[in-house]
Amino acid sequence: MKKQRGGFFKSMFIVLFTIAPLLFAYMFFIKGIKDLNALKNTRLEELREKENKLEVQRVEYQKLTSEDEVVKKAKDKFDLVRIDNLSTISVNKNQINNIKKFINKKYD
């Protein structure tokens, strides 16, 4: 009877030492998978934020480079005037004379 009891404990001992490492390995891998999923979700959120920021910058760029905005800035900052008829250009004679004097001074 004692031999059976000793054999039972021996069997249980062997089974426990076989299952315990497998259980710990399983728990270790599950924790690793959870950590990697959390990292993936964090990185995806960062990527979405960067994509949204990039999209906002694209919209701002398109607004700033639109024809209406360029014409408005040309009028405000440089006092340029948009003309409808590009076949004729009107220039003040004083401006032409000033340019001629400037060029003559530069090359004399």
N, C-alpha and C. Protein backbone atom coordinates (compact mmCIF):
# COMPACT_ATOMS: atom_id res chain seq x y z
N MET A 1 0.82 -1.18 0.00
CA MET A 1 0.00 0.00 0.00
C MET A 1 0.87 1.26 0.00
N LYS A 2 1.99 1.22 0.73
CA LYS A 2 2.87 2.37 0.77
C LYS A 2 3.52 2.63 -0.58
N LYS A 3 3.79 1.59 -1.28
CA LYS A 3 4.42 1.76 -2.59
C LYS A 3 3.49 2.51 -3.53
N GLN A 4 2.21 2.22 -3.48
CA GLN A 4 1.26 2.92 -4.35
C GLN A 4 1.18 4.39 -3.97
N ARG A 5 1.15 4.64 -2.66
CA ARG A 5 1.06 6.03 -2.21
C ARG A 5 2.32 6.80 -2.62
N GLY A 6 3.46 6.24 -2.46
CA GLY A 6 4.71 6.88 -2.86
C GLY A 6 4.77 7.08 -4.36
N GLY A 7 4.25 6.13 -5.10
CA GLY A 7 4.20 6.25 -6.55
C GLY A 7 3.26 7.35 -7.00
N PHE A 8 2.17 7.52 -6.27
CA PHE A 8 1.20 8.57 -6.59
C PHE A 8 1.82 9.95 -6.38
N PHE A 9 2.51 10.14 -5.25
CA PHE A 9 3.15 11.42 -4.97
C PHE A 9 4.28 11.70 -5.97
N LYS A 10 4.96 10.64 -6.30
CA LYS A 10 6.03 10.77 -7.29
C LYS A 10 5.46 11.19 -8.64
N SER A 11 4.36 10.59 -9.03
CA SER A 11 3.70 10.94 -10.29
C SER A 11 3.19 12.38 -10.26
N MET A 12 2.56 12.76 -9.13
CA MET A 12 2.06 14.14 -9.01
C MET A 12 3.21 15.15 -9.04
N PHE A 13 4.30 14.81 -8.39
CA PHE A 13 5.48 15.67 -8.37
C PHE A 13 6.02 15.88 -9.78
N ILE A 14 6.11 14.82 -10.54
CA ILE A 14 6.60 14.89 -11.93
C ILE A 14 5.63 15.70 -12.79
N VAL A 15 4.34 15.47 -12.61
CA VAL A 15 3.34 16.20 -13.39
C VAL A 15 3.40 17.69 -13.07
N LEU A 16 3.50 18.04 -11.77
CA LEU A 16 3.57 19.45 -11.37
C LEU A 16 4.81 20.13 -11.94
N PHE A 17 5.94 19.46 -11.89
CA PHE A 17 7.16 20.06 -12.42
C PHE A 17 7.17 20.11 -13.95
N THR A 18 6.30 19.38 -14.57
CA THR A 18 6.17 19.46 -16.03
C THR A 18 5.18 20.56 -16.41
N ILE A 19 4.09 20.64 -15.68
CA ILE A 19 3.04 21.62 -16.02
C ILE A 19 3.43 23.03 -15.59
N ALA A 20 4.07 23.17 -14.43
CA ALA A 20 4.40 24.51 -13.91
C ALA A 20 5.25 25.33 -14.88
N PRO A 21 6.34 24.79 -15.42
CA PRO A 21 7.11 25.60 -16.38
C PRO A 21 6.31 25.95 -17.63
N LEU A 22 5.49 25.01 -18.07
CA LEU A 22 4.66 25.30 -19.24
C LEU A 22 3.67 26.41 -18.93
N LEU A 23 3.10 26.37 -17.74
CA LEU A 23 2.15 27.41 -17.32
C LEU A 23 2.84 28.76 -17.22
N PHE A 24 4.03 28.79 -16.63
CA PHE A 24 4.77 30.05 -16.53
C PHE A 24 5.16 30.58 -17.92
N ALA A 25 5.56 29.69 -18.81
CA ALA A 25 5.90 30.11 -20.17
C ALA A 25 4.67 30.68 -20.87
N TYR A 26 3.53 30.02 -20.69
CA TYR A 26 2.28 30.50 -21.28
C TYR A 26 1.94 31.89 -20.76
N MET A 27 2.04 32.08 -19.44
CA MET A 27 1.74 33.39 -18.85
C MET A 27 2.72 34.45 -19.34
N PHE A 28 3.99 34.09 -19.47
CA PHE A 28 5.01 35.02 -19.96
C PHE A 28 4.69 35.46 -21.39
N PHE A 29 4.33 34.52 -22.25
CA PHE A 29 4.01 34.87 -23.63
C PHE A 29 2.72 35.68 -23.74
N ILE A 30 1.73 35.36 -22.93
CA ILE A 30 0.48 36.13 -22.93
C ILE A 30 0.76 37.57 -22.51
N LYS A 31 1.59 37.76 -21.47
CA LYS A 31 1.94 39.12 -21.04
C LYS A 31 2.70 39.85 -22.15
N GLY A 32 3.60 39.17 -22.81
CA GLY A 32 4.34 39.77 -23.92
C GLY A 32 3.41 40.19 -25.05
N ILE A 33 2.45 39.36 -25.36
CA ILE A 33 1.48 39.69 -26.42
C ILE A 33 0.66 40.90 -26.03
N LYS A 34 0.23 40.96 -24.77
CA LYS A 34 -0.55 42.12 -24.30
C LYS A 34 0.29 43.40 -24.37
N ASP A 35 1.55 43.31 -23.97
CA ASP A 35 2.43 44.47 -24.04
C ASP A 35 2.63 44.94 -25.47
N LEU A 36 2.83 43.98 -26.37
CA LEU A 36 3.02 44.34 -27.78
C LEU A 36 1.75 44.94 -28.38
N ASN A 37 0.59 44.42 -28.01
CA ASN A 37 -0.67 45.00 -28.49
C ASN A 37 -0.86 46.42 -27.96
N ALA A 38 -0.50 46.65 -26.70
CA ALA A 38 -0.60 48.00 -26.14
C ALA A 38 0.35 48.95 -26.87
N LEU A 39 1.56 48.48 -27.15
CA LEU A 39 2.53 49.29 -27.88
C LEU A 39 2.03 49.58 -29.29
N LYS A 40 1.44 48.58 -29.93
CA LYS A 40 0.89 48.76 -31.28
C LYS A 40 -0.21 49.81 -31.27
N ASN A 41 -1.10 49.73 -30.28
CA ASN A 41 -2.20 50.70 -30.20
C ASN A 41 -1.67 52.11 -29.95
N THR A 42 -0.65 52.22 -29.12
CA THR A 42 -0.05 53.53 -28.86
C THR A 42 0.56 54.10 -30.14
N ARG A 43 1.29 53.28 -30.85
CA ARG A 43 1.93 53.74 -32.09
C ARG A 43 0.89 54.09 -33.15
N LEU A 44 -0.19 53.32 -33.22
CA LEU A 44 -1.25 53.64 -34.18
C LEU A 44 -1.90 54.98 -33.85
N GLU A 45 -2.09 55.24 -32.57
CA GLU A 45 -2.67 56.52 -32.15
C GLU A 45 -1.72 57.68 -32.51
N GLU A 46 -0.42 57.48 -32.27
CA GLU A 46 0.56 58.50 -32.65
C GLU A 46 0.54 58.73 -34.16
N LEU A 47 0.43 57.64 -34.92
CA LEU A 47 0.39 57.75 -36.38
C LEU A 47 -0.85 58.53 -36.82
N ARG A 48 -1.99 58.24 -36.21
CA ARG A 48 -3.22 58.97 -36.56
C ARG A 48 -3.08 60.46 -36.25
N GLU A 49 -2.47 60.77 -35.10
CA GLU A 49 -2.27 62.17 -34.74
C GLU A 49 -1.36 62.87 -35.75
N LYS A 50 -0.29 62.20 -36.16
CA LYS A 50 0.62 62.80 -37.14
C LYS A 50 -0.05 62.95 -38.50
N GLU A 51 -0.87 61.98 -38.89
CA GLU A 51 -1.59 62.09 -40.16
C GLU A 51 -2.58 63.25 -40.11
N ASN A 52 -3.26 63.42 -38.98
CA ASN A 52 -4.19 64.55 -38.84
C ASN A 52 -3.46 65.88 -38.89
N LYS A 53 -2.31 65.95 -38.23
CA LYS A 53 -1.51 67.18 -38.25
C LYS A 53 -1.03 67.48 -39.67
N LEU A 54 -0.61 66.45 -40.38
CA LEU A 54 -0.16 66.61 -41.76
C LEU A 54 -1.30 67.08 -42.65
N GLU A 55 -2.48 66.54 -42.45
CA GLU A 55 -3.65 66.94 -43.24
C GLU A 55 -4.00 68.41 -42.97
N VAL A 56 -3.91 68.83 -41.72
CA VAL A 56 -4.16 70.24 -41.38
C VAL A 56 -3.14 71.13 -42.08
N GLN A 57 -1.89 70.71 -42.10
CA GLN A 57 -0.85 71.49 -42.77
C GLN A 57 -1.07 71.53 -44.28
N ARG A 58 -1.53 70.43 -44.86
CA ARG A 58 -1.84 70.43 -46.30
C ARG A 58 -2.95 71.41 -46.62
N VAL A 59 -3.99 71.42 -45.80
CA VAL A 59 -5.11 72.35 -46.01
C VAL A 59 -4.61 73.79 -45.88
N GLU A 60 -3.79 74.05 -44.88
CA GLU A 60 -3.24 75.40 -44.69
C GLU A 60 -2.39 75.81 -45.89
N TYR A 61 -1.58 74.88 -46.39
CA TYR A 61 -0.75 75.15 -47.57
C TYR A 61 -1.62 75.47 -48.78
N GLN A 62 -2.67 74.68 -48.98
CA GLN A 62 -3.56 74.92 -50.11
C GLN A 62 -4.25 76.28 -49.98
N LYS A 63 -4.62 76.64 -48.75
CA LYS A 63 -5.24 77.96 -48.55
C LYS A 63 -4.26 79.07 -48.89
N LEU A 64 -3.01 78.93 -48.43
CA LEU A 64 -2.02 79.98 -48.64
C LEU A 64 -1.59 80.10 -50.09
N THR A 65 -1.65 79.00 -50.83
CA THR A 65 -1.21 79.05 -52.23
C THR A 65 -2.36 79.20 -53.21
N SER A 66 -3.55 79.38 -52.69
CA SER A 66 -4.68 79.58 -53.61
C SER A 66 -4.53 80.91 -54.33
N GLU A 67 -5.10 81.00 -55.51
CA GLU A 67 -4.94 82.19 -56.34
C GLU A 67 -5.48 83.43 -55.63
N ASP A 68 -6.61 83.31 -54.98
CA ASP A 68 -7.18 84.46 -54.28
C ASP A 68 -6.25 84.99 -53.19
N GLU A 69 -5.65 84.08 -52.45
CA GLU A 69 -4.74 84.49 -51.37
C GLU A 69 -3.48 85.13 -51.93
N VAL A 70 -2.95 84.58 -53.02
CA VAL A 70 -1.74 85.14 -53.63
C VAL A 70 -2.03 86.55 -54.16
N VAL A 71 -3.16 86.72 -54.82
CA VAL A 71 -3.52 88.04 -55.36
C VAL A 71 -3.71 89.03 -54.22
N LYS A 72 -4.36 88.61 -53.16
CA LYS A 72 -4.60 89.49 -52.01
C LYS A 72 -3.27 89.94 -51.39
N LYS A 73 -2.34 89.00 -51.21
CA LYS A 73 -1.04 89.35 -50.63
C LYS A 73 -0.24 90.24 -51.57
N ALA A 74 -0.34 89.99 -52.87
CA ALA A 74 0.37 90.84 -53.83
C ALA A 74 -0.15 92.27 -53.77
N LYS A 75 -1.44 92.42 -53.60
CA LYS A 75 -2.01 93.76 -53.49
C LYS A 75 -1.61 94.42 -52.18
N ASP A 76 -1.72 93.68 -51.08
CA ASP A 76 -1.47 94.27 -49.76
C ASP A 76 0.01 94.55 -49.50
N LYS A 77 0.86 93.60 -49.77
CA LYS A 77 2.27 93.75 -49.41
C LYS A 77 3.09 94.50 -50.46
N PHE A 78 2.81 94.25 -51.73
CA PHE A 78 3.65 94.80 -52.79
C PHE A 78 2.96 95.86 -53.63
N ASP A 79 1.73 96.19 -53.29
CA ASP A 79 0.95 97.19 -54.03
C ASP A 79 0.85 96.86 -55.51
N LEU A 80 0.76 95.60 -55.84
CA LEU A 80 0.58 95.20 -57.23
C LEU A 80 -0.90 95.22 -57.57
N VAL A 81 -1.17 95.51 -58.83
CA VAL A 81 -2.56 95.58 -59.29
C VAL A 81 -2.76 94.54 -60.36
N ARG A 82 -3.84 93.83 -60.26
CA ARG A 82 -4.15 92.82 -61.25
C ARG A 82 -4.93 93.48 -62.38
N ILE A 83 -4.46 93.24 -63.59
CA ILE A 83 -5.16 93.80 -64.74
C ILE A 83 -5.82 92.67 -65.51
N ASP A 84 -6.91 93.02 -66.14
CA ASP A 84 -7.66 92.01 -66.88
C ASP A 84 -7.10 91.82 -68.29
N ASN A 85 -6.68 92.90 -68.92
CA ASN A 85 -6.19 92.83 -70.28
C ASN A 85 -4.67 92.81 -70.25
N LEU A 86 -4.09 91.68 -70.58
CA LEU A 86 -2.63 91.55 -70.54
C LEU A 86 -1.96 91.93 -71.85
N SER A 87 -2.72 92.30 -72.87
CA SER A 87 -2.10 92.65 -74.15
C SER A 87 -1.51 94.06 -74.12
N THR A 88 -2.02 94.92 -73.27
CA THR A 88 -1.46 96.27 -73.15
C THR A 88 -1.05 96.51 -71.71
N ILE A 89 0.10 97.14 -71.58
CA ILE A 89 0.61 97.47 -70.26
C ILE A 89 0.82 98.98 -70.23
N SER A 90 0.30 99.61 -69.24
CA SER A 90 0.49 101.06 -69.12
C SER A 90 1.53 101.33 -68.05
N VAL A 91 2.52 102.16 -68.42
CA VAL A 91 3.60 102.50 -67.51
C VAL A 91 3.76 104.01 -67.52
N ASN A 92 3.96 104.57 -66.37
CA ASN A 92 4.15 106.00 -66.23
C ASN A 92 5.50 106.40 -66.84
N LYS A 93 5.54 107.56 -67.55
CA LYS A 93 6.79 108.00 -68.18
C LYS A 93 7.85 108.29 -67.13
N ASN A 94 7.45 108.78 -65.99
CA ASN A 94 8.43 109.05 -64.93
C ASN A 94 9.10 107.77 -64.46
N GLN A 95 8.35 106.70 -64.39
CA GLN A 95 8.94 105.42 -64.00
C GLN A 95 9.95 104.94 -65.04
N ILE A 96 9.62 105.12 -66.31
CA ILE A 96 10.54 104.72 -67.38
C ILE A 96 11.82 105.55 -67.30
N ASN A 97 11.67 106.84 -67.12
CA ASN A 97 12.85 107.71 -67.02
C ASN A 97 13.69 107.35 -65.79
N ASN A 98 13.06 107.06 -64.68
CA ASN A 98 13.81 106.67 -63.48
C ASN A 98 14.57 105.37 -63.71
N ILE A 99 13.96 104.43 -64.39
CA ILE A 99 14.64 103.17 -64.68
C ILE A 99 15.82 103.39 -65.62
N LYS A 100 15.64 104.25 -66.64
CA LYS A 100 16.74 104.56 -67.57
C LYS A 100 17.90 105.19 -66.82
N LYS A 101 17.61 106.14 -65.94
CA LYS A 101 18.67 106.80 -65.17
C LYS A 101 19.40 105.78 -64.29
N PHE A 102 18.65 104.92 -63.66
CA PHE A 102 19.24 103.91 -62.79
C PHE A 102 20.17 102.99 -63.58
N ILE A 103 19.72 102.56 -64.74
CA ILE A 103 20.53 101.67 -65.58
C ILE A 103 21.77 102.39 -66.08
N ASN A 104 21.60 103.63 -66.52
CA ASN A 104 22.76 104.39 -67.00
C ASN A 104 23.78 104.60 -65.90
N LYS A 105 23.33 104.89 -64.69
CA LYS A 105 24.26 105.07 -63.57
C LYS A 105 24.99 103.76 -63.27
N LYS A 106 24.28 102.68 -63.37
CA LYS A 106 24.86 101.39 -63.03
C LYS A 106 25.95 100.98 -64.02
N TYR A 107 25.75 101.29 -65.31
CA TYR A 107 26.70 100.85 -66.34
C TYR A 107 27.69 101.93 -66.75
N ASP A 108 27.60 103.10 -66.18
CA ASP A 108 28.59 104.15 -66.50
C ASP A 108 29.81 104.04 -65.65
